[in-house]
C-alpha atoms as a PDB file:
ATOM      1  CA  UNK A   1     -25.208  41.420  32.901  1.00  0.00           C
ATOM      2  CA  UNK A   2     -27.346  43.247  35.432  1.00  0.00           C
ATOM      3  CA  UNK A   3     -29.662  46.180  34.787  1.00  0.00           C
ATOM      4  CA  UNK A   4     -27.243  48.403  36.710  1.00  0.00           C
ATOM      5  CA  UNK A   5     -24.373  47.484  34.369  1.00  0.00           C
ATOM      6  CA  UNK A   6     -26.546  48.050  31.294  1.00  0.00           C
ATOM      7  CA  UNK A   7     -27.472  51.486  32.586  1.00  0.00           C
ATOM      8  CA  UNK A   8     -23.828  52.358  33.154  1.00  0.00           C
ATOM      9  CA  UNK A   9     -22.919  51.107  29.655  1.00  0.00           C
ATOM     10  CA  UNK A  10     -25.673  53.213  28.110  1.00  0.00           C
ATOM     11  CA  UNK A  11     -24.243  56.157  30.058  1.00  0.00           C
ATOM     12  CA  UNK A  12     -20.819  55.489  28.552  1.00  0.00           C
ATOM     13  CA  UNK A  13     -22.445  55.315  25.106  1.00  0.00           C
ATOM     14  CA  UNK A  14     -24.026  58.695  25.852  1.00  0.00           C
ATOM     15  CA  UNK A  15     -20.714  60.258  26.850  1.00  0.00           C
ATOM     16  CA  UNK A  16     -19.019  58.998  23.688  1.00  0.00           C
ATOM     17  CA  UNK A  17     -22.041  59.985  21.594  1.00  0.00           C
ATOM     18  CA  UNK A  18     -21.998  63.538  22.925  1.00  0.00           C
ATOM     19  CA  UNK A  19     -18.275  63.886  22.284  1.00  0.00           C
ATOM     20  CA  UNK A  20     -18.644  62.551  18.725  1.00  0.00           C
ATOM     21  CA  UNK A  21     -21.522  64.923  17.955  1.00  0.00           C
ATOM     22  CA  UNK A  22     -19.603  67.904  19.340  1.00  0.00           C
ATOM     23  CA  UNK A  23     -16.467  66.904  17.421  1.00  0.00           C
ATOM     24  CA  UNK A  24     -18.496  66.494  14.233  1.00  0.00           C
ATOM     25  CA  UNK A  25     -20.029  69.949  14.701  1.00  0.00           C
ATOM     26  CA  UNK A  26     -16.690  71.633  15.326  1.00  0.00           C
ATOM     27  CA  UNK A  27     -14.931  69.816  12.481  1.00  0.00           C
ATOM     28  CA  UNK A  28     -17.538  70.603   9.815  1.00  0.00           C
ATOM     29  CA  UNK A  29     -15.727  73.756   8.714  1.00  0.00           C
ATOM     30  CA  UNK A  30     -12.319  72.090   8.544  1.00  0.00           C
ATOM     31  CA  UNK A  31     -12.766  68.607   7.066  1.00  0.00           C
ATOM     32  CA  UNK A  32     -14.544  66.893   4.220  1.00  0.00           C
ATOM     33  CA  UNK A  33     -18.265  66.097   4.596  1.00  0.00           C
ATOM     34  CA  UNK A  34     -17.507  62.370   4.796  1.00  0.00           C
ATOM     35  CA  UNK A  35     -15.359  62.835   7.914  1.00  0.00           C
ATOM     36  CA  UNK A  36     -17.759  65.089   9.799  1.00  0.00           C
ATOM     37  CA  UNK A  37     -20.650  62.916   8.595  1.00  0.00           C
ATOM     38  CA  UNK A  38     -18.956  59.836  10.025  1.00  0.00           C
ATOM     39  CA  UNK A  39     -18.595  61.578  13.385  1.00  0.00           C
ATOM     40  CA  UNK A  40     -22.261  62.668  13.359  1.00  0.00           C
ATOM     41  CA  UNK A  41     -23.546  59.255  12.284  1.00  0.00           C
ATOM     42  CA  UNK A  42     -21.424  57.444  14.870  1.00  0.00           C
ATOM     43  CA  UNK A  43     -22.626  59.803  17.582  1.00  0.00           C
ATOM     44  CA  UNK A  44     -26.259  59.410  16.598  1.00  0.00           C
ATOM     45  CA  UNK A  45     -25.995  55.622  16.443  1.00  0.00           C
ATOM     46  CA  UNK A  46     -24.704  55.621  20.027  1.00  0.00           C
ATOM     47  CA  UNK A  47     -27.532  58.020  20.909  1.00  0.00           C
ATOM     48  CA  UNK A  48     -29.969  55.108  20.469  1.00  0.00           C
ATOM     49  CA  UNK A  49     -28.347  53.379  23.452  1.00  0.00           C
ATOM     50  CA  UNK A  50     -28.453  56.513  25.596  1.00  0.00           C
ATOM     51  CA  UNK A  51     -32.137  57.170  24.884  1.00  0.00           C
ATOM     52  CA  UNK A  52     -32.922  53.564  25.759  1.00  0.00           C
ATOM     53  CA  UNK A  53     -30.941  53.808  28.995  1.00  0.00           C
ATOM     54  CA  UNK A  54     -32.646  57.026  30.077  1.00  0.00           C
ATOM     55  CA  UNK A  55     -36.075  55.638  29.233  1.00  0.00           C
ATOM     56  CA  UNK A  56     -35.174  52.376  31.005  1.00  0.00           C
ATOM     57  CA  UNK A  57     -34.597  54.251  34.264  1.00  0.00           C
ATOM     58  CA  UNK A  58     -37.712  56.397  34.052  1.00  0.00           C
ATOM     59  CA  UNK A  59     -40.198  54.218  32.136  1.00  0.00           C
ATOM     60  CA  UNK A  60     -42.255  53.233  35.178  1.00  0.00           C
ATOM     61  CA  UNK A  61     -42.962  56.863  36.072  1.00  0.00           C
ATOM     62  CA  UNK A  62     -43.100  58.830  32.821  1.00  0.00           C
ATOM     63  CA  UNK A  63     -46.314  57.375  31.433  1.00  0.00           C
ATOM     64  CA  UNK A  64     -47.571  58.039  27.929  1.00  0.00           C
ATOM     65  CA  UNK A  65     -45.589  61.284  27.598  1.00  0.00           C
ATOM     66  CA  UNK A  66     -42.317  59.471  28.242  1.00  0.00           C
ATOM     67  CA  UNK A  67     -43.216  56.621  25.893  1.00  0.00           C
ATOM     68  CA  UNK A  68     -44.261  59.045  23.152  1.00  0.00           C
ATOM     69  CA  UNK A  69     -41.067  61.051  23.605  1.00  0.00           C
ATOM     70  CA  UNK A  70     -38.944  57.914  23.501  1.00  0.00           C
ATOM     71  CA  UNK A  71     -40.621  56.546  20.360  1.00  0.00           C
ATOM     72  CA  UNK A  72     -40.549  59.864  18.498  1.00  0.00           C
ATOM     73  CA  UNK A  73     -36.925  60.459  19.521  1.00  0.00           C
ATOM     74  CA  UNK A  74     -35.885  57.028  18.269  1.00  0.00           C
ATOM     75  CA  UNK A  75     -37.753  57.492  14.970  1.00  0.00           C
ATOM     76  CA  UNK A  76     -36.382  61.025  14.506  1.00  0.00           C
ATOM     77  CA  UNK A  77     -32.857  59.878  15.303  1.00  0.00           C
ATOM     78  CA  UNK A  78     -33.137  57.005  12.802  1.00  0.00           C
ATOM     79  CA  UNK A  79     -34.340  59.413  10.113  1.00  0.00           C
ATOM     80  CA  UNK A  80     -31.521  61.812  10.981  1.00  0.00           C
ATOM     81  CA  UNK A  81     -28.943  59.034  10.623  1.00  0.00           C
ATOM     82  CA  UNK A  82     -30.387  58.063   7.222  1.00  0.00           C
ATOM     83  CA  UNK A  83     -30.362  61.657   5.962  1.00  0.00           C
ATOM     84  CA  UNK A  84     -26.841  62.244   7.252  1.00  0.00           C
ATOM     85  CA  UNK A  85     -25.633  59.071   5.531  1.00  0.00           C
ATOM     86  CA  UNK A  86     -27.214  60.130   2.236  1.00  0.00           C
ATOM     87  CA  UNK A  87     -25.922  63.673   2.505  1.00  0.00           C
ATOM     88  CA  UNK A  88     -22.380  62.835   3.592  1.00  0.00           C
ATOM     89  CA  UNK A  89     -21.632  59.795   1.507  1.00  0.00           C
ATOM     90  CA  UNK A  90     -24.052  59.372  -1.378  1.00  0.00           C
ATOM     91  CA  UNK A  91     -24.391  62.967  -2.559  1.00  0.00           C
ATOM     92  CA  UNK A  92     -20.749  63.917  -2.015  1.00  0.00           C
ATOM     93  CA  UNK A  93     -19.698  60.657  -3.683  1.00  0.00           C
ATOM     94  CA  UNK A  94     -22.048  61.166  -6.615  1.00  0.00           C
ATOM     95  CA  UNK A  95     -20.747  64.663  -7.264  1.00  0.00           C
ATOM     96  CA  UNK A  96     -17.289  63.209  -7.841  1.00  0.00           C
ATOM     97  CA  UNK A  97     -18.302  60.314 -10.070  1.00  0.00           C
ATOM     98  CA  UNK A  98     -19.803  59.841 -13.484  1.00  0.00           C
ATOM     99  CA  UNK A  99     -23.126  58.418 -12.224  1.00  0.00           C
ATOM    100  CA  UNK A 100     -25.461  61.294 -13.016  1.00  0.00           C
ATOM    101  CA  UNK A 101     -28.779  59.415 -12.884  1.00  0.00           C
ATOM    102  CA  UNK A 102     -28.365  58.480  -9.218  1.00  0.00           C
ATOM    103  CA  UNK A 103     -28.390  62.151  -8.178  1.00  0.00           C
ATOM    104  CA  UNK A 104     -31.912  62.506  -9.622  1.00  0.00           C
ATOM    105  CA  UNK A 105     -33.096  59.708  -7.328  1.00  0.00           C
ATOM    106  CA  UNK A 106     -31.601  61.127  -4.129  1.00  0.00           C
ATOM    107  CA  UNK A 107     -32.082  64.898  -4.564  1.00  0.00           C
ATOM    108  CA  UNK A 108     -35.879  65.106  -4.148  1.00  0.00           C
ATOM    109  CA  UNK A 109     -35.828  62.965  -1.008  1.00  0.00           C
ATOM    110  CA  UNK A 110     -33.518  65.201   1.054  1.00  0.00           C
ATOM    111  CA  UNK A 111     -35.387  68.560   0.989  1.00  0.00           C
ATOM    112  CA  UNK A 112     -38.721  66.926   1.843  1.00  0.00           C
ATOM    113  CA  UNK A 113     -37.352  64.702   4.605  1.00  0.00           C
ATOM    114  CA  UNK A 114     -35.258  67.243   6.516  1.00  0.00           C
ATOM    115  CA  UNK A 115     -38.130  69.323   7.996  1.00  0.00           C
ATOM    116  CA  UNK A 116     -40.147  66.217   8.874  1.00  0.00           C
ATOM    117  CA  UNK A 117     -37.147  64.631  10.562  1.00  0.00           C
ATOM    118  CA  UNK A 118     -36.414  67.794  12.506  1.00  0.00           C
ATOM    119  CA  UNK A 119     -40.009  68.117  13.684  1.00  0.00           C
ATOM    120  CA  UNK A 120     -40.286  64.464  14.721  1.00  0.00           C
ATOM    121  CA  UNK A 121     -36.952  64.494  16.538  1.00  0.00           C
ATOM    122  CA  UNK A 122     -37.611  67.858  18.215  1.00  0.00           C
ATOM    123  CA  UNK A 123     -41.104  66.837  19.321  1.00  0.00           C
ATOM    124  CA  UNK A 124     -39.734  63.590  20.709  1.00  0.00           C
ATOM    125  CA  UNK A 125     -36.996  65.384  22.625  1.00  0.00           C
ATOM    126  CA  UNK A 126     -39.520  67.923  23.961  1.00  0.00           C
ATOM    127  CA  UNK A 127     -41.784  65.162  25.288  1.00  0.00           C
ATOM    128  CA  UNK A 128     -38.733  63.317  26.631  1.00  0.00           C
ATOM    129  CA  UNK A 129     -37.573  66.466  28.463  1.00  0.00           C
ATOM    130  CA  UNK A 130     -41.051  67.099  29.886  1.00  0.00           C
ATOM    131  CA  UNK A 131     -41.331  63.524  31.127  1.00  0.00           C
ATOM    132  CA  UNK A 132     -37.858  63.631  32.659  1.00  0.00           C
ATOM    133  CA  UNK A 133     -38.626  66.946  34.353  1.00  0.00           C
ATOM    134  CA  UNK A 134     -41.788  65.506  35.876  1.00  0.00           C
ATOM    135  CA  UNK A 135     -39.976  62.436  37.212  1.00  0.00           C
ATOM    136  CA  UNK A 136     -36.671  64.099  38.222  1.00  0.00           C
ATOM    137  CA  UNK A 137     -34.855  60.756  38.324  1.00  0.00           C
ATOM    138  CA  UNK A 138     -31.974  62.375  36.427  1.00  0.00           C
ATOM    139  CA  UNK A 139     -30.893  65.965  35.960  1.00  0.00           C
ATOM    140  CA  UNK A 140     -33.393  67.899  33.880  1.00  0.00           C
ATOM    141  CA  UNK A 141     -30.983  70.221  32.062  1.00  0.00           C
ATOM    142  CA  UNK A 142     -29.607  67.632  29.589  1.00  0.00           C
ATOM    143  CA  UNK A 143     -33.060  66.928  28.177  1.00  0.00           C
ATOM    144  CA  UNK A 144     -33.821  70.606  27.745  1.00  0.00           C
ATOM    145  CA  UNK A 145     -30.392  71.223  26.220  1.00  0.00           C
ATOM    146  CA  UNK A 146     -30.975  68.434  23.691  1.00  0.00           C
ATOM    147  CA  UNK A 147     -34.380  69.922  22.840  1.00  0.00           C
ATOM    148  CA  UNK A 148     -32.898  73.420  22.490  1.00  0.00           C
ATOM    149  CA  UNK A 149     -30.175  72.086  20.182  1.00  0.00           C
ATOM    150  CA  UNK A 150     -32.653  70.359  17.878  1.00  0.00           C
ATOM    151  CA  UNK A 151     -35.076  73.308  17.914  1.00  0.00           C
ATOM    152  CA  UNK A 152     -32.230  75.667  16.981  1.00  0.00           C
ATOM    153  CA  UNK A 153     -31.172  73.189  14.305  1.00  0.00           C
ATOM    154  CA  UNK A 154     -34.560  73.744  12.679  1.00  0.00           C
ATOM    155  CA  UNK A 155     -34.814  77.508  13.224  1.00  0.00           C
ATOM    156  CA  UNK A 156     -31.271  78.806  12.780  1.00  0.00           C
ATOM    157  CA  UNK A 157     -30.792  77.952   9.068  1.00  0.00           C
ATOM    158  CA  UNK A 158     -34.178  79.524   8.266  1.00  0.00           C
ATOM    159  CA  UNK A 159     -33.522  82.717  10.235  1.00  0.00           C
ATOM    160  CA  UNK A 160     -29.908  83.158   9.153  1.00  0.00           C
ATOM    161  CA  UNK A 161     -29.801  82.041   5.544  1.00  0.00           C
ATOM    162  CA  UNK A 162     -26.097  82.774   4.981  1.00  0.00           C
ATOM    163  CA  UNK A 163     -24.787  81.939   8.433  1.00  0.00           C
ATOM    164  CA  UNK A 164     -21.139  80.927   8.795  1.00  0.00           C
ATOM    165  CA  UNK A 165     -20.286  77.350   9.730  1.00  0.00           C
ATOM    166  CA  UNK A 166     -19.340  78.397  13.258  1.00  0.00           C
ATOM    167  CA  UNK A 167     -22.883  79.657  13.929  1.00  0.00           C
ATOM    168  CA  UNK A 168     -24.472  76.562  12.394  1.00  0.00           C
ATOM    169  CA  UNK A 169     -22.299  74.419  14.690  1.00  0.00           C
ATOM    170  CA  UNK A 170     -24.046  75.784  17.810  1.00  0.00           C
ATOM    171  CA  UNK A 171     -27.180  73.537  17.667  1.00  0.00           C
ATOM    172  CA  UNK A 172     -25.256  70.244  17.375  1.00  0.00           C
ATOM    173  CA  UNK A 173     -22.909  71.390  20.136  1.00  0.00           C
ATOM    174  CA  UNK A 174     -25.913  72.007  22.406  1.00  0.00           C
ATOM    175  CA  UNK A 175     -27.324  68.603  21.475  1.00  0.00           C
ATOM    176  CA  UNK A 176     -23.961  66.965  22.168  1.00  0.00           C
ATOM    177  CA  UNK A 177     -23.650  68.681  25.538  1.00  0.00           C
ATOM    178  CA  UNK A 178     -27.116  67.453  26.515  1.00  0.00           C
ATOM    179  CA  UNK A 179     -26.308  63.918  25.370  1.00  0.00           C
ATOM    180  CA  UNK A 180     -23.037  63.936  27.309  1.00  0.00           C
ATOM    181  CA  UNK A 181     -24.884  65.311  30.349  1.00  0.00           C
ATOM    182  CA  UNK A 182     -27.368  62.443  30.280  1.00  0.00           C
ATOM    183  CA  UNK A 183     -24.481  60.019  29.767  1.00  0.00           C
ATOM    184  CA  UNK A 184     -22.678  61.425  32.778  1.00  0.00           C
ATOM    185  CA  UNK A 185     -25.869  61.169  34.821  1.00  0.00           C
ATOM    186  CA  UNK A 186     -26.328  57.515  33.882  1.00  0.00           C
ATOM    187  CA  UNK A 187     -22.682  56.660  34.608  1.00  0.00           C
ATOM    188  CA  UNK A 188     -22.894  58.377  37.968  1.00  0.00           C
ATOM    189  CA  UNK A 189     -26.303  56.963  38.888  1.00  0.00           C
END
């Protein structure tokens, strides 16, 4: 398989990833946490391929900023997947079972890990967007849209403590649109 085909496949992964993230965000208010969590986790797993494809195109020109953004984005995405898995499947499953001791093991991990994950992922996406803007090998708006989505994901729940689900769905929708935009750019490139 050639590098060109791998780039196009990572673009397809990005398109599917963006659609899954958007669908997960929209469906949060209507379905069980396990269903929306599955959509989010699937979308974020495919996001690994998109980030690798985008970095693969621009790696020769982005320098240390691009490498730092790529590494932090991958680490932040991995942490996000782990937290989403715990939140969607372990905690919701524990609430419905008789295993009470397991909840004590998982509960302290989530509140401490969420801000760190958000900061790592947001910082990575910011550096990734800056590097992509400097190179201009792809459109710059998807990177900034992904950064805006993750930054709002950190800020919105703190600013609006009792926000409805529709408002809290805006940051993942922005992230999904940015991911799909990068995917479209890689498929077209």
